[in-house]
Amino acid sequence: MQPKLHIKKGDIVKVIAGNERGQQGKVLSIDRKKMRALIEGLNMISKHTKPNAANPQGGIVKQEAPIHISNLLVIDGKGNASRIGRKLNDDNKLVRYSKKTGEVIK
């Protein structure tokens, strides 16, 4: 069984450690097995590709590399980077909330 994570695809996150520290971006995908996330426009690497149908010329392609989830904080509705908690709302549904402001995150 894979663990529940504090970030989801589509969240806006802030990087708190590593070369990209302080930058923000949108989560494109999450690998729950490796505990890593792809963030739009961050942690770019150069990948050498052979010519193929999609890229007939081949060459060097820039693409995002995954960042470990422990190095990410979710940005809440007010623009603050905050840790995430879970609680039951009025309809007995489990929702994520910002521990800094207490507001529910979508």
Protein backbone atom coordinates (compact mmCIF):
# COMPACT_ATOMS: atom_id res chain seq x y z
CA MET A 1 0.00 0.00 0.00
CA GLN A 2 1.35 3.41 -0.95
CA PRO A 3 1.19 6.30 1.52
CA LYS A 4 -1.15 9.27 1.30
CA LEU A 5 0.77 12.34 0.20
CA HIS A 6 0.31 16.00 1.13
CA ILE A 7 0.42 17.14 -2.52
CA LYS A 8 -1.77 16.30 -5.50
CA LYS A 9 -1.53 16.77 -9.24
CA GLY A 10 -2.49 20.35 -10.09
CA ASP A 11 -1.36 21.89 -6.76
CA ILE A 12 0.85 24.96 -6.76
CA VAL A 13 3.93 24.15 -4.67
CA LYS A 14 7.06 25.91 -3.41
CA VAL A 15 10.47 24.20 -3.40
CA ILE A 16 12.11 24.52 0.03
CA ALA A 17 15.43 22.71 -0.60
CA GLY A 18 17.88 22.05 -3.42
CA ASN A 19 18.98 24.01 -6.48
CA GLU A 20 15.43 25.28 -7.18
CA ARG A 21 14.83 26.54 -3.61
CA GLY A 22 12.34 29.40 -3.36
CA GLN A 23 10.70 28.80 -6.76
CA GLN A 24 7.06 27.89 -7.34
CA GLY A 25 5.34 25.76 -9.94
CA LYS A 26 2.38 23.53 -10.74
CA VAL A 27 2.56 19.78 -10.07
CA LEU A 28 2.38 17.90 -13.40
CA SER A 29 2.57 14.34 -12.07
CA ILE A 30 3.43 12.34 -8.97
CA ASP A 31 5.30 9.03 -8.61
CA ARG A 32 3.97 7.65 -5.33
CA LYS A 33 6.34 4.68 -5.35
CA LYS A 34 9.49 6.85 -5.54
CA MET A 35 7.90 9.75 -3.57
CA ARG A 36 8.77 12.27 -6.31
CA ALA A 37 6.85 14.93 -8.24
CA LEU A 38 7.34 16.68 -11.59
CA ILE A 39 6.98 20.45 -11.26
CA GLU A 40 6.25 22.57 -14.35
CA GLY A 41 9.33 24.53 -15.43
CA LEU A 42 11.54 23.50 -12.49
CA ASN A 43 14.58 21.20 -12.17
CA MET A 44 15.19 21.22 -15.94
CA ILE A 45 17.63 18.70 -17.42
CA SER A 46 19.06 18.24 -20.93
CA LYS A 47 18.21 14.86 -22.44
CA HIS A 48 19.93 13.62 -25.60
CA THR A 49 17.40 12.01 -27.95
CA LYS A 50 17.75 9.96 -31.11
CA PRO A 51 15.71 10.93 -34.14
CA ASN A 52 12.18 9.49 -34.01
CA ALA A 53 8.72 10.14 -35.45
CA ALA A 54 7.90 12.85 -32.91
CA ASN A 55 11.29 14.55 -33.23
CA PRO A 56 12.80 13.70 -36.66
CA GLN A 57 15.87 15.86 -36.06
CA GLY A 58 16.84 14.37 -32.69
CA GLY A 59 19.21 16.40 -30.54
CA ILE A 60 19.09 17.82 -27.04
CA VAL A 61 15.69 18.27 -25.37
CA LYS A 62 15.07 20.21 -22.14
CA GLN A 63 12.63 18.54 -19.75
CA GLU A 64 11.65 18.52 -16.08
CA ALA A 65 13.24 16.06 -13.66
CA PRO A 66 11.40 14.86 -10.56
CA ILE A 67 11.88 16.50 -7.13
CA HIS A 68 11.45 14.59 -3.87
CA ILE A 69 8.15 15.33 -2.14
CA SER A 70 9.85 16.19 1.18
CA ASN A 71 11.32 19.26 -0.53
CA LEU A 72 7.90 20.71 -1.47
CA LEU A 73 5.30 22.79 0.41
CA VAL A 74 1.79 23.46 -0.87
CA ILE A 75 0.79 27.09 -1.53
CA ASP A 76 -2.61 27.85 0.03
CA GLY A 77 -5.24 30.25 -1.35
CA LYS A 78 -3.60 33.30 0.23
CA GLY A 79 -0.20 32.57 -1.35
CA ASN A 80 1.49 31.21 1.78
CA ALA A 81 3.60 28.07 1.76
CA SER A 82 2.16 25.88 4.48
CA ARG A 83 2.17 22.38 5.86
CA ILE A 84 -1.00 20.40 5.19
CA GLY A 85 -3.38 18.69 7.60
CA ARG A 86 -6.51 16.63 7.08
CA LYS A 87 -9.81 17.04 8.89
CA LEU A 88 -13.49 16.18 8.49
CA ASN A 89 -15.67 18.99 7.18
CA ASP A 90 -19.38 19.53 7.89
CA ASP A 91 -20.39 16.87 5.34
CA ASN A 92 -18.10 14.26 6.98
CA LYS A 93 -15.68 14.41 4.05
CA LEU A 94 -11.93 14.40 4.61
CA VAL A 95 -10.46 17.69 3.34
CA ARG A 96 -6.96 19.14 3.29
CA TYR A 97 -6.34 22.39 5.15
CA SER A 98 -3.45 24.80 5.60
CA LYS A 99 -1.92 24.52 9.06
CA LYS A 100 -0.72 28.14 8.85
CA THR A 101 -4.07 29.80 8.06
CA GLY A 102 -6.56 27.00 8.79
CA GLU A 103 -8.33 27.48 5.47
CA VAL A 104 -9.46 24.47 3.39
CA ILE A 105 -7.44 23.79 0.23
CA LYS A 106 -9.80 23.12 -2.70
